[in-house]
Amino acid sequence: MARQNFGAFNGGNMQQLMRQAQKMQQQMQEAQEKLEAEVYEAQSGGGKVSVKVTGKHELTELHIDPEVVDPDDVEMLEDLIRAAVNEAVRASDAAKEAAMGRMAPGMKGLF
């Protein structure tokens, strides 16, 4: 039976490639954990509503200036909260994409 030659993927080169892949996977896991622990803050309404979310998109803090609490206009307050939370989540996602993109160029959008 003929032996196939896999070029750069023979013997030691394949093992070296596997070690590099494992190292990269470990680095990506560590970066992921660090990003998930980060806190991202955003504001809306000129700072009247501020929020903090983790890299896991968990809302950890919400501050509402009493000045914007109008029982006759709850919709505006809801919009301000939604805008601030969405902005913080976008910041979290952008940081994740940037960090992972540096680690695995050409794979942007997969994280």
Protein backbone atom coordinates (compact mmCIF):
# COMPACT_ATOMS: atom_id res chain seq x y z
CA MET A 1 0.00 0.00 0.00
CA ALA A 2 1.37 3.41 -0.96
CA ARG A 3 2.34 5.76 1.82
CA GLN A 4 0.85 9.23 1.59
CA ASN A 5 3.10 12.19 2.10
CA PHE A 6 1.39 15.03 3.90
CA GLY A 7 4.27 17.46 3.50
CA ALA A 8 4.42 19.84 6.46
CA PHE A 9 1.99 17.68 8.40
CA ASN A 10 4.27 14.70 8.92
CA GLY A 11 5.57 13.44 12.25
CA GLY A 12 7.04 16.19 14.41
CA ASN A 13 5.55 19.01 12.36
CA MET A 14 2.05 17.74 13.04
CA GLN A 15 2.80 17.52 16.76
CA GLN A 16 4.19 21.05 16.72
CA LEU A 17 1.09 22.27 14.92
CA MET A 18 -1.13 20.57 17.51
CA ARG A 19 0.84 22.16 20.37
CA GLN A 20 0.48 25.58 18.75
CA ALA A 21 -3.26 25.04 18.29
CA GLN A 22 -3.65 23.99 21.93
CA LYS A 23 -1.66 27.02 23.09
CA MET A 24 -3.81 29.32 20.98
CA GLN A 25 -6.97 27.69 22.31
CA GLN A 26 -5.76 28.21 25.89
CA GLN A 27 -4.90 31.86 25.18
CA MET A 28 -8.31 32.43 23.63
CA GLN A 29 -10.02 30.82 26.62
CA GLU A 30 -8.07 33.05 29.02
CA ALA A 31 -8.91 36.13 26.96
CA GLN A 32 -12.58 35.11 26.89
CA GLU A 33 -12.66 34.76 30.67
CA LYS A 34 -10.98 38.13 31.12
CA LEU A 35 -13.44 39.81 28.75
CA GLU A 36 -16.40 38.24 30.52
CA ALA A 37 -15.16 39.65 33.83
CA GLU A 38 -14.77 43.17 32.42
CA VAL A 39 -17.42 45.78 33.20
CA TYR A 40 -18.74 48.07 30.48
CA GLU A 41 -20.53 51.29 31.31
CA ALA A 42 -22.84 53.35 29.14
CA GLN A 43 -25.16 56.29 29.61
CA SER A 44 -28.17 57.78 27.91
CA GLY A 45 -30.20 60.93 28.32
CA GLY A 46 -27.11 62.99 28.88
CA GLY A 47 -26.05 60.82 31.80
CA LYS A 48 -29.49 60.70 33.41
CA VAL A 49 -29.48 56.91 33.06
CA SER A 50 -26.28 54.91 33.45
CA VAL A 51 -25.73 51.19 33.43
CA LYS A 52 -22.92 48.71 33.89
CA VAL A 53 -22.87 45.27 32.29
CA THR A 54 -20.32 42.48 32.37
CA GLY A 55 -18.80 40.86 29.33
CA LYS A 56 -21.43 38.16 29.85
CA HIS A 57 -24.12 40.81 29.23
CA GLU A 58 -25.27 40.72 32.84
CA LEU A 59 -26.64 44.02 34.10
CA THR A 60 -24.79 44.72 37.35
CA GLU A 61 -25.67 48.33 38.01
CA LEU A 62 -28.42 50.74 37.02
CA HIS A 63 -28.61 54.38 38.06
CA ILE A 64 -31.58 56.59 37.23
CA ASP A 65 -31.52 60.28 38.01
CA PRO A 66 -34.78 61.00 39.88
CA GLU A 67 -35.21 63.99 37.58
CA VAL A 68 -36.18 61.70 34.69
CA VAL A 69 -38.74 59.71 36.65
CA ASP A 70 -42.03 61.05 35.36
CA PRO A 71 -45.05 58.84 36.13
CA ASP A 72 -46.81 60.37 33.14
CA ASP A 73 -43.99 59.41 30.74
CA VAL A 74 -42.77 55.94 31.67
CA GLU A 75 -42.03 55.23 28.00
CA MET A 76 -39.25 57.81 27.93
CA LEU A 77 -37.59 56.22 30.96
CA GLU A 78 -37.90 52.77 29.40
CA ASP A 79 -36.29 54.10 26.20
CA LEU A 80 -33.40 55.64 28.16
CA ILE A 81 -32.77 52.40 30.04
CA ARG A 82 -32.96 50.33 26.85
CA ALA A 83 -30.57 52.69 25.04
CA ALA A 84 -28.01 52.61 27.85
CA VAL A 85 -28.12 48.83 28.22
CA ASN A 86 -27.85 48.27 24.47
CA GLU A 87 -24.87 50.62 24.23
CA ALA A 88 -23.06 48.84 27.07
CA VAL A 89 -23.71 45.47 25.41
CA ARG A 90 -22.38 46.82 22.09
CA ALA A 91 -19.23 48.03 23.88
CA SER A 92 -18.78 44.58 25.41
CA ASP A 93 -19.21 42.88 22.03
CA ALA A 94 -16.82 45.31 20.31
CA ALA A 95 -14.14 44.66 22.93
CA LYS A 96 -14.58 40.91 22.49
CA GLU A 97 -14.37 41.10 18.69
CA ALA A 98 -11.25 43.29 18.87
CA ALA A 99 -9.47 41.03 21.35
CA MET A 100 -10.31 37.81 19.57
CA GLY A 101 -9.53 39.37 16.19
CA ARG A 102 -6.00 40.15 17.39
CA MET A 103 -5.57 36.55 18.46
CA ALA A 104 -7.05 34.96 15.35
CA PRO A 105 -6.76 37.39 12.42
CA GLY A 106 -9.06 36.53 9.56
CA MET A 107 -11.62 34.89 11.84
CA LYS A 108 -13.39 38.11 12.83
CA GLY A 109 -17.13 37.68 13.24
CA LEU A 110 -16.89 34.10 14.47
CA PHE A 111 -16.83 35.05 18.13
